Amino acid sequence: MKKKRFQQKKVIVCCGEKMTSLTIRPWMQVGFVLVCLAAAYWVLQTSVLYFFSNDLIRTREIALAEKQSENNRLKKELAYYQNRVEQSEKLALDIQQAHKDILDKVDLLVSEEIKNAEGGFEKVEKLLKENGAPISTLLQKVKKEENVGGPYIPDMSSALLTFPYAQKLTTVYDKVDYLESLVTLSDQMPLGYPISETRISAAFGSRKDPFTGKRARHEGIDIAAALKTPVHATAPGVVKRAFTNGAYGKFIEIEHEAGFMTRYAHLSEILVKKGDVIQTGDKIGLTGNTGRSTGPHLHYEILIGKNPVNPYRFLRTQRGKSNV
């Protein structure tokens, strides 16, 4: 027969001379064992948590230290980049100021050049207006007749500047474009003398005809010169006519840009032919005494469109060149 693990027991407890008998029943024994087991479990669990929690705390402390180190590093990097940004902003301000100084100087220089270039046209400006070809109209023709091209590449230079500087840059560019147009027009206009001799023997307009003695219209200027003095083109252009032309004698007609035309008459020799492209200063002939002429000289005409104008102001006007 199997013996029960928990049986009722009697225990005698001595307290001095007094003795007491206690009966310990089975359920008391079971309760005591359960209490002991619970206590043991609590002690074991507490011990395990204590040791493992220490490891967890240490792990967290290490992770926290690493995060703190990373945070310190990021703070240093942030301070470094903030310093770089401040330096960049200062540099940008310095560059902006440098741009402003340069633009101011360029603006002043271009304005002076424009004033000089416009001043160079003073002698012919009134004459051009009288013949329906003011400078403004000729400048429009210059822009239309420029040979230009190429791909479109946006200019980002002004986009890098703040508004006042960008506006200033645009203004300077506009002035430079205007100055270039003035210089181009000056290059295209028949300016200066076609020969080295400068003695005018017959002026433009009404005069006494050298053969009949009657009043007659003279649509050019006669410049006295030794026989076979070189004659030079006063502007670039294309030879439209080069032949013996009655009263003009040996004769050259050159068509220029912006509506100008020049004529050279009474030549002894013609050194160009129809269709030749001529540059300013090219030798095109030699002075002579051919046609209706009383002696060696050059008859020189300037026409705007089909209208002859007085060449005198063109002779006295220097060809402008810009230093910008």
Protein backbone atom coordinates (compact mmCIF):
# COMPACT_ATOMS: atom_id res chain seq x y z
CA MET A 1 0.00 0.00 0.00
CA LYS A 2 1.41 3.41 -1.09
CA LYS A 3 2.27 5.68 1.78
CA LYS A 4 0.81 9.23 1.70
CA ARG A 5 3.36 12.07 1.36
CA PHE A 6 1.51 14.43 3.64
CA GLN A 7 0.06 12.92 6.81
CA GLN A 8 -1.30 14.50 9.93
CA LYS A 9 1.42 14.98 12.52
CA LYS A 10 1.60 16.08 16.08
CA VAL A 11 4.35 18.36 17.25
CA ILE A 12 5.18 19.13 20.90
CA VAL A 13 6.45 22.64 21.43
CA CYS A 14 8.32 23.47 24.63
CA CYS A 15 8.22 27.01 25.88
CA GLY A 16 10.12 27.09 29.16
CA GLU A 17 8.49 24.55 31.42
CA LYS A 18 5.27 24.63 29.48
CA MET A 19 4.72 22.08 26.77
CA THR A 20 2.12 22.45 24.02
CA SER A 21 0.96 19.86 21.54
CA LEU A 22 0.21 21.07 17.97
CA THR A 23 -1.47 19.06 15.29
CA ILE A 24 -0.17 19.76 11.76
CA ARG A 25 -2.71 18.68 9.27
CA PRO A 26 -1.87 17.66 5.64
CA TRP A 27 -3.29 20.80 4.06
CA MET A 28 -1.06 22.89 6.34
CA GLN A 29 1.93 20.94 5.14
CA VAL A 30 0.91 21.47 1.53
CA GLY A 31 0.45 25.20 2.11
CA PHE A 32 3.85 25.47 3.76
CA VAL A 33 5.51 23.72 0.85
CA LEU A 34 3.74 26.00 -1.64
CA VAL A 35 4.81 29.07 0.31
CA CYS A 36 8.41 27.84 0.29
CA LEU A 37 8.29 27.14 -3.41
CA ALA A 38 6.83 30.57 -4.10
CA ALA A 39 9.53 32.19 -2.01
CA ALA A 40 12.21 30.24 -3.83
CA TYR A 41 10.73 31.20 -7.21
CA TRP A 42 10.61 34.87 -6.22
CA VAL A 43 14.24 34.77 -5.05
CA LEU A 44 15.35 33.05 -8.25
CA GLN A 45 13.42 35.45 -10.49
CA THR A 46 14.73 38.49 -8.64
CA SER A 47 18.30 37.21 -8.93
CA VAL A 48 17.96 36.54 -12.65
CA LEU A 49 16.37 39.95 -13.32
CA TYR A 50 19.03 41.66 -11.28
CA PHE A 51 21.88 40.16 -13.28
CA PHE A 52 20.17 40.52 -16.67
CA SER A 53 18.93 44.04 -15.93
CA ASN A 54 22.49 45.07 -15.15
CA ASP A 55 23.56 43.80 -18.56
CA LEU A 56 20.65 45.62 -20.21
CA ILE A 57 21.48 48.82 -18.36
CA ARG A 58 25.10 48.54 -19.37
CA THR A 59 24.06 47.93 -22.98
CA ARG A 60 21.77 50.94 -22.91
CA GLU A 61 24.46 53.06 -21.29
CA ILE A 62 26.91 52.07 -24.03
CA ALA A 63 24.32 52.81 -26.74
CA LEU A 64 23.53 56.15 -25.08
CA ALA A 65 27.21 57.02 -24.93
CA GLU A 66 27.59 56.20 -28.63
CA LYS A 67 24.56 58.33 -29.47
CA GLN A 68 25.95 61.17 -27.39
CA SER A 69 29.30 60.86 -29.20
CA GLU A 70 27.51 60.88 -32.56
CA ASN A 71 25.47 63.88 -31.45
CA ASN A 72 28.62 65.75 -30.47
CA ARG A 73 30.19 64.92 -33.82
CA LEU A 74 27.12 66.16 -35.68
CA LYS A 75 27.13 69.35 -33.61
CA LYS A 76 30.75 69.95 -34.60
CA GLU A 77 29.95 69.29 -38.27
CA LEU A 78 26.93 71.59 -38.07
CA ALA A 79 29.07 74.33 -36.54
CA TYR A 80 31.66 73.78 -39.28
CA TYR A 81 29.10 74.04 -42.08
CA GLN A 82 27.42 77.02 -40.45
CA ASN A 83 30.80 78.70 -40.44
CA ARG A 84 31.29 77.76 -44.09
CA VAL A 85 27.87 79.18 -44.92
CA GLU A 86 28.73 82.42 -43.15
CA GLN A 87 32.02 82.59 -45.03
CA SER A 88 30.22 81.86 -48.30
CA GLU A 89 27.65 84.56 -47.60
CA LYS A 90 30.44 87.02 -46.85
CA LEU A 91 32.25 85.98 -50.02
CA ALA A 92 29.02 86.36 -52.00
CA LEU A 93 28.58 89.87 -50.62
CA ASP A 94 32.19 90.68 -51.50
CA ILE A 95 31.62 89.33 -55.03
CA GLN A 96 28.41 91.33 -55.35
CA GLN A 97 30.25 94.47 -54.31
CA ALA A 98 33.08 93.69 -56.72
CA HIS A 99 30.52 93.19 -59.49
CA LYS A 100 28.91 96.49 -58.61
CA ASP A 101 32.26 98.30 -58.72
CA ILE A 102 33.13 96.70 -62.05
CA LEU A 103 29.70 97.41 -63.50
CA ASP A 104 29.90 101.03 -62.37
CA LYS A 105 33.30 101.43 -64.05
CA VAL A 106 32.17 99.67 -67.23
CA ASP A 107 28.97 101.72 -67.28
CA LEU A 108 30.99 104.93 -66.99
CA LEU A 109 33.43 103.81 -69.68
CA VAL A 110 30.69 102.72 -72.08
CA SER A 111 28.72 105.92 -71.46
CA GLU A 112 31.81 107.99 -72.31
CA GLU A 113 32.41 105.90 -75.45
CA ILE A 114 28.78 106.35 -76.50
CA LYS A 115 29.08 110.08 -75.97
CA ASN A 116 32.23 110.18 -78.10
CA ALA A 117 30.68 107.97 -80.79
CA GLU A 118 27.50 110.06 -80.92
CA GLY A 119 29.64 113.19 -81.00
CA GLY A 120 31.40 111.81 -84.07
CA PHE A 121 28.11 111.84 -85.95
CA GLU A 122 27.32 115.48 -85.12
CA LYS A 123 28.68 116.72 -88.45
CA VAL A 124 26.47 114.41 -90.51
CA GLU A 125 23.43 114.02 -88.20
CA LYS A 126 21.60 117.11 -89.48
CA LEU A 127 22.38 116.16 -93.07
CA LEU A 128 21.05 112.64 -92.50
CA LYS A 129 17.81 113.94 -90.97
CA GLU A 130 17.29 116.29 -93.90
CA ASN A 131 17.54 113.30 -96.24
CA GLY A 132 15.15 111.10 -94.25
CA ALA A 133 17.87 108.89 -92.79
CA PRO A 134 18.41 109.86 -89.13
CA ILE A 135 20.88 107.92 -87.01
CA SER A 136 18.08 105.98 -85.29
CA THR A 137 16.77 104.70 -88.63
CA LEU A 138 20.25 103.73 -89.80
CA LEU A 139 20.90 101.89 -86.54
CA GLN A 140 17.78 99.77 -87.12
CA LYS A 141 19.14 98.86 -90.54
CA VAL A 142 22.48 97.96 -89.02
CA LYS A 143 20.82 95.49 -86.62
CA LYS A 144 18.74 93.94 -89.40
CA GLU A 145 21.73 93.48 -91.67
CA GLU A 146 24.13 91.97 -89.13
CA ASN A 147 25.24 88.46 -90.11
CA VAL A 148 24.70 86.53 -86.88
CA GLY A 149 23.66 83.04 -85.74
CA GLY A 150 24.39 80.16 -83.38
CA PRO A 151 22.52 78.03 -80.82
CA TYR A 152 20.46 79.66 -78.08
CA ILE A 153 22.28 79.34 -74.75
CA PRO A 154 20.57 81.30 -71.94
CA ASP A 155 22.85 83.81 -70.22
CA MET A 156 22.82 82.88 -66.51
CA SER A 157 25.24 85.60 -65.43
CA SER A 158 22.49 87.98 -64.36
CA ALA A 159 20.54 85.15 -62.69
CA LEU A 160 23.41 84.75 -60.20
CA LEU A 161 23.07 88.36 -59.10
CA THR A 162 20.53 90.03 -56.88
CA PHE A 163 17.94 92.29 -58.53
CA PRO A 164 19.74 95.68 -58.42
CA TYR A 165 22.96 94.19 -59.81
CA ALA A 166 21.11 92.13 -62.44
CA GLN A 167 19.24 95.24 -63.57
CA LYS A 168 22.50 97.18 -63.72
CA LEU A 169 24.13 94.39 -65.75
CA THR A 170 21.23 94.41 -68.22
CA THR A 171 21.54 98.19 -68.57
CA VAL A 172 25.27 97.93 -69.26
CA TYR A 173 24.69 95.17 -71.83
CA ASP A 174 22.09 97.36 -73.57
CA LYS A 175 24.56 100.25 -73.68
CA VAL A 176 27.29 97.99 -75.07
CA ASP A 177 24.91 96.74 -77.76
CA TYR A 178 24.04 100.33 -78.65
CA LEU A 179 27.72 101.30 -78.75
CA GLU A 180 28.51 98.31 -80.99
CA SER A 181 25.72 99.40 -83.33
CA LEU A 182 27.16 102.93 -83.44
CA VAL A 183 30.63 101.58 -84.25
CA THR A 184 29.21 99.21 -86.87
CA LEU A 185 27.27 102.07 -88.45
CA SER A 186 30.42 104.18 -88.43
CA ASP A 187 32.28 101.34 -90.18
CA GLN A 188 29.54 101.07 -92.82
CA MET A 189 29.23 104.79 -93.54
CA PRO A 190 31.44 106.45 -96.20
CA LEU A 191 33.58 108.65 -93.96
CA GLY A 192 36.85 110.45 -94.60
CA TYR A 193 38.62 111.36 -97.85
CA PRO A 194 38.92 108.92 -100.77
CA ILE A 195 42.30 110.36 -101.75
CA SER A 196 45.24 111.84 -99.88
CA GLU A 197 44.67 115.26 -101.48
CA THR A 198 42.17 117.42 -99.57
CA ARG A 199 41.80 120.57 -101.71
CA ILE A 200 38.20 120.89 -102.81
CA SER A 201 38.05 122.55 -106.21
CA ALA A 202 34.26 122.50 -106.65
CA ALA A 203 31.64 122.27 -103.88
CA PHE A 204 28.33 120.46 -103.78
CA GLY A 205 25.16 122.19 -105.03
CA SER A 206 24.59 125.06 -107.41
CA ARG A 207 27.65 126.30 -109.29
CA LYS A 208 28.77 127.95 -112.48
CA ASP A 209 29.28 125.28 -115.14
CA PRO A 210 32.99 125.26 -116.20
CA PHE A 211 32.08 124.73 -119.88
CA THR A 212 28.94 126.80 -120.45
CA GLY A 213 29.25 129.39 -117.70
CA LYS A 214 25.60 128.84 -116.79
CA ARG A 215 24.28 127.90 -113.34
CA ALA A 216 24.17 124.13 -112.94
CA ARG A 217 23.65 121.60 -110.18
CA HIS A 218 26.77 119.78 -109.01
CA GLU A 219 25.79 116.56 -107.18
CA GLY A 220 29.21 115.81 -105.76
CA ILE A 221 32.50 117.35 -104.71
CA ASP A 222 35.56 117.81 -106.92
CA ILE A 223 38.87 117.18 -105.18
CA ALA A 224 41.90 118.48 -107.08
CA ALA A 225 44.74 115.94 -107.28
CA ALA A 226 47.77 115.05 -109.33
CA LEU A 227 47.24 112.63 -112.21
CA LYS A 228 47.12 108.95 -111.15
CA THR A 229 46.69 109.67 -107.44
CA PRO A 230 45.38 106.46 -105.80
CA VAL A 231 41.64 106.50 -105.04
CA HIS A 232 40.42 104.47 -102.06
CA ALA A 233 36.97 103.22 -101.08
CA THR A 234 35.56 105.15 -98.12
CA ALA A 235 33.45 102.24 -96.81
CA PRO A 236 33.02 98.50 -97.37
CA GLY A 237 30.63 97.51 -100.12
CA VAL A 238 30.09 95.87 -103.51
CA VAL A 239 31.02 97.35 -106.87
CA LYS A 240 27.75 97.88 -108.78
CA ARG A 241 29.21 99.60 -111.85
CA ALA A 242 32.74 100.10 -113.17
CA PHE A 243 32.92 101.42 -116.74
CA THR A 244 33.31 104.53 -118.89
CA ASN A 245 30.14 106.53 -118.24
CA GLY A 246 29.83 109.48 -120.62
CA ALA A 247 30.41 112.81 -118.86
CA TYR A 248 31.65 110.96 -115.76
CA GLY A 249 34.49 109.44 -117.78
CA LYS A 250 35.92 106.33 -116.17
CA PHE A 251 33.51 105.73 -113.35
CA ILE A 252 33.03 103.45 -110.30
CA GLU A 253 29.87 103.07 -108.23
CA ILE A 254 29.96 101.16 -104.92
CA GLU A 255 26.88 100.11 -102.92
CA HIS A 256 27.34 100.13 -99.13
CA GLU A 257 25.32 98.88 -96.15
CA ALA A 258 22.56 100.96 -94.51
CA GLY A 259 21.48 102.42 -97.86
CA PHE A 260 24.64 104.39 -98.81
CA MET A 261 26.25 104.59 -102.25
CA THR A 262 29.48 106.29 -103.39
CA ARG A 263 30.58 107.31 -106.87
CA TYR A 264 34.09 108.05 -108.15
CA ALA A 265 34.46 109.72 -111.56
CA HIS A 266 36.96 111.13 -114.13
CA LEU A 267 39.42 108.31 -113.31
CA SER A 268 42.41 107.53 -115.44
CA GLU A 269 42.30 103.84 -114.48
CA ILE A 270 39.70 101.51 -112.97
CA LEU A 271 41.22 98.82 -110.74
CA VAL A 272 38.04 96.92 -109.84
CA LYS A 273 35.17 95.26 -111.69
CA LYS A 274 31.45 94.82 -111.15
CA GLY A 275 30.66 92.43 -108.27
CA ASP A 276 33.96 92.90 -106.42
CA VAL A 277 33.63 93.02 -102.63
CA ILE A 278 35.44 96.10 -101.38
CA GLN A 279 36.78 96.92 -97.91
CA THR A 280 37.38 100.38 -96.48
CA GLY A 281 40.68 101.75 -97.79
CA ASP A 282 40.96 99.39 -100.78
CA LYS A 283 42.54 101.04 -103.83
CA ILE A 284 39.89 101.07 -106.55
CA GLY A 285 41.33 103.42 -109.18
CA LEU A 286 43.58 106.34 -110.11
CA THR A 287 42.59 109.97 -110.55
CA GLY A 288 42.43 111.28 -114.10
CA ASN A 289 40.92 113.74 -116.52
CA THR A 290 38.44 111.59 -118.43
CA GLY A 291 34.91 112.56 -119.39
CA ARG A 292 33.63 116.11 -119.00
CA SER A 293 36.61 117.44 -117.06
CA THR A 294 38.95 120.43 -117.24
CA GLY A 295 41.91 118.82 -115.44
CA PRO A 296 43.06 115.96 -113.17
CA HIS A 297 40.75 115.59 -110.17
CA LEU A 298 38.30 113.22 -108.49
CA HIS A 299 34.56 113.79 -108.69
CA TYR A 300 33.16 112.15 -105.53
CA GLU A 301 29.46 111.59 -104.75
CA ILE A 302 27.57 110.13 -101.78
CA LEU A 303 23.96 109.02 -102.13
CA ILE A 304 21.47 107.93 -99.45
CA GLY A 305 18.99 105.76 -101.25
CA LYS A 306 18.81 107.55 -104.58
CA ASN A 307 19.33 111.03 -103.19
CA PRO A 308 22.74 112.71 -103.57
CA VAL A 309 23.92 114.47 -100.40
CA ASN A 310 26.74 116.87 -99.68
CA PRO A 311 29.86 114.72 -99.10
CA TYR A 312 31.64 117.53 -97.25
CA ARG A 313 30.39 116.60 -93.78
CA PHE A 314 31.26 112.95 -94.43
CA LEU A 315 34.76 113.94 -95.51
CA ARG A 316 35.29 115.86 -92.26
CA THR A 317 33.92 113.09 -90.00
CA GLN A 318 36.44 110.70 -88.52
CA ARG A 319 35.61 107.00 -88.44
CA GLY A 320 34.82 106.09 -84.82
CA LYS A 321 36.47 103.18 -83.00
CA SER A 322 35.51 101.96 -79.55
CA ASN A 323 38.03 100.90 -76.92
CA VAL A 324 35.43 98.95 -74.93
